[in-house]
Amino acid sequence: MKDEYLFCPLGGSGEIGMNMNLFAYGRPDNQKWIIVDIGVTFADDSIPGVDLIYPDPGFIVDKKNDVLGIVLTHAHEDHIGAIAHIWPQIKCKIFSTPFTAALIKEKFKEKLRIEREKFVKEIKDRSEGE
């Protein structure tokens, strides 16, 4: 079997909000996955009683042992808003900028009461120096 590259949008593609995109590479029986963003969208008056909507992670939760990590592109809610809701089902490394990591830390403290240092890897801008 040949290696293949897959793109699987769970939310946010073609719309504003609840971004969650999956990328995989490998043979069909041995693919490794990367998640890019885990965001929310905000419900409107047409859905009474609902404040936040986020992608259904069931597909990737079933493959959590093959997830290499989550890359968070920036700190807008439509890119990080569901991290504290979905991450506990996957429990993999998270890669982000220092600012985004600081916001995630607060989300984890608020929702999960855990420290993020064990899981979040801050990616510093090379122009800032070491």
Protein backbone atom coordinates (compact mmCIF):
# COMPACT_ATOMS: atom_id res chain seq x y z
CA MET A 1 0.00 0.00 0.00
CA LYS A 2 1.12 3.54 -0.74
CA ASP A 3 1.40 6.32 1.80
CA GLU A 4 -1.36 8.86 1.46
CA TYR A 5 -1.93 12.40 2.66
CA LEU A 6 -5.42 13.21 3.96
CA PHE A 7 -7.21 16.42 4.85
CA CYS A 8 -10.35 16.05 6.95
CA PRO A 9 -12.18 19.26 7.94
CA LEU A 10 -14.38 18.72 10.98
CA GLY A 11 -15.44 22.35 11.13
CA GLY A 12 -14.61 25.86 10.01
CA SER A 13 -13.73 25.21 6.40
CA GLY A 14 -15.78 27.52 4.24
CA GLU A 15 -17.24 29.37 7.24
CA ILE A 16 -16.16 31.60 10.09
CA GLY A 17 -16.00 29.74 13.39
CA MET A 18 -15.38 26.35 14.98
CA ASN A 19 -12.19 25.61 13.10
CA MET A 20 -10.93 22.04 13.44
CA ASN A 21 -8.96 20.48 10.64
CA LEU A 22 -7.22 17.12 10.60
CA PHE A 23 -4.23 16.09 8.53
CA ALA A 24 -2.95 12.53 8.23
CA TYR A 25 -0.05 10.84 6.50
CA GLY A 26 0.85 7.20 6.11
CA ARG A 27 -0.47 3.93 4.82
CA PRO A 28 -4.22 3.50 5.32
CA ASP A 29 -3.57 0.97 8.09
CA ASN A 30 -0.97 3.16 9.86
CA GLN A 31 -1.75 6.87 9.58
CA LYS A 32 -0.54 9.54 11.98
CA TRP A 33 -2.73 12.58 12.55
CA ILE A 34 -2.20 16.27 13.35
CA ILE A 35 -5.07 18.48 14.48
CA VAL A 36 -4.97 22.15 13.48
CA ASP A 37 -7.11 24.34 15.73
CA ILE A 38 -10.04 23.42 17.95
CA GLY A 39 -12.44 26.35 17.91
CA VAL A 40 -16.01 27.35 18.62
CA THR A 41 -18.65 29.43 16.96
CA PHE A 42 -21.24 31.43 18.82
CA ALA A 43 -24.89 30.48 18.52
CA ASP A 44 -27.46 33.06 17.55
CA ASP A 45 -31.09 33.54 18.62
CA SER A 46 -32.22 30.73 16.35
CA ILE A 47 -30.85 28.21 18.88
CA PRO A 48 -32.25 29.28 22.29
CA GLY A 49 -30.23 28.20 25.29
CA VAL A 50 -27.09 27.35 23.29
CA ASP A 51 -24.09 29.66 23.63
CA LEU A 52 -21.25 27.75 21.97
CA ILE A 53 -21.06 25.27 19.12
CA TYR A 54 -17.98 23.21 18.41
CA PRO A 55 -17.09 20.39 16.01
CA ASP A 56 -17.96 16.78 16.80
CA PRO A 57 -14.57 15.19 17.62
CA GLY A 58 -15.81 11.58 17.49
CA PHE A 59 -13.86 10.69 14.35
CA ILE A 60 -10.48 11.74 15.78
CA VAL A 61 -11.21 10.55 19.33
CA ASP A 62 -11.49 7.07 17.84
CA LYS A 63 -7.95 7.56 16.48
CA LYS A 64 -6.46 9.33 19.51
CA ASN A 65 -3.57 6.87 19.83
CA ASP A 66 -2.42 7.98 16.37
CA VAL A 67 -2.62 11.73 17.04
CA LEU A 68 0.83 13.34 17.11
CA GLY A 69 -0.42 16.67 18.44
CA ILE A 70 -2.56 19.76 18.13
CA VAL A 71 -1.28 22.92 16.45
CA LEU A 72 -3.11 26.09 17.46
CA THR A 73 -2.52 28.81 14.87
CA HIS A 74 -3.60 31.78 16.99
CA ALA A 75 -5.67 32.76 20.02
CA HIS A 76 -9.05 33.68 18.55
CA GLU A 77 -11.98 31.76 20.02
CA ASP A 78 -12.85 30.28 16.64
CA HIS A 79 -9.43 28.57 16.76
CA ILE A 80 -8.97 27.71 20.48
CA GLY A 81 -12.41 28.05 22.08
CA ALA A 82 -13.17 24.33 22.32
CA ILE A 83 -9.73 23.15 23.48
CA ALA A 84 -10.84 22.58 27.08
CA HIS A 85 -13.93 20.69 25.89
CA ILE A 86 -12.25 18.40 23.35
CA TRP A 87 -8.65 17.97 24.55
CA PRO A 88 -9.57 15.73 27.54
CA GLN A 89 -10.85 13.14 25.07
CA ILE A 90 -7.55 13.13 23.13
CA LYS A 91 -4.83 14.14 25.64
CA CYS A 92 -1.99 14.83 23.23
CA LYS A 93 0.68 17.51 22.98
CA ILE A 94 -0.39 21.04 22.05
CA PHE A 95 1.85 23.39 20.07
CA SER A 96 1.22 27.14 20.13
CA THR A 97 2.77 30.57 20.46
CA PRO A 98 3.46 31.86 23.99
CA PHE A 99 0.42 34.20 23.92
CA THR A 100 -1.91 31.43 22.79
CA ALA A 101 -0.39 29.09 25.40
CA ALA A 102 -1.14 31.64 28.14
CA LEU A 103 -4.80 31.76 27.12
CA ILE A 104 -5.00 27.97 26.94
CA LYS A 105 -3.51 27.74 30.42
CA GLU A 106 -6.35 29.88 31.73
CA LYS A 107 -8.97 27.83 29.86
CA PHE A 108 -7.53 24.64 31.34
CA LYS A 109 -7.46 26.09 34.85
CA GLU A 110 -11.03 27.31 34.49
CA LYS A 111 -12.56 24.19 32.93
CA LEU A 112 -10.22 21.32 33.76
CA ARG A 113 -8.28 22.51 36.80
CA ILE A 114 -5.02 21.20 35.36
CA GLU A 115 -1.72 22.80 34.56
CA ARG A 116 -0.91 23.00 30.88
CA GLU A 117 2.88 22.96 31.19
CA LYS A 118 2.91 19.19 30.81
CA PHE A 119 1.14 19.28 27.44
CA VAL A 120 1.62 22.70 25.77
CA LYS A 121 4.81 23.42 23.81
CA GLU A 122 5.27 27.13 23.16
CA ILE A 123 6.74 27.91 19.75
CA LYS A 124 8.69 31.16 19.97
CA ASP A 125 9.20 33.56 17.10
CA ARG A 126 12.79 33.18 15.90
CA SER A 127 13.09 36.96 15.56
CA GLU A 128 12.63 37.24 19.34
CA GLY A 129 15.82 35.27 19.96
CA GLU A 130 16.29 32.43 22.38
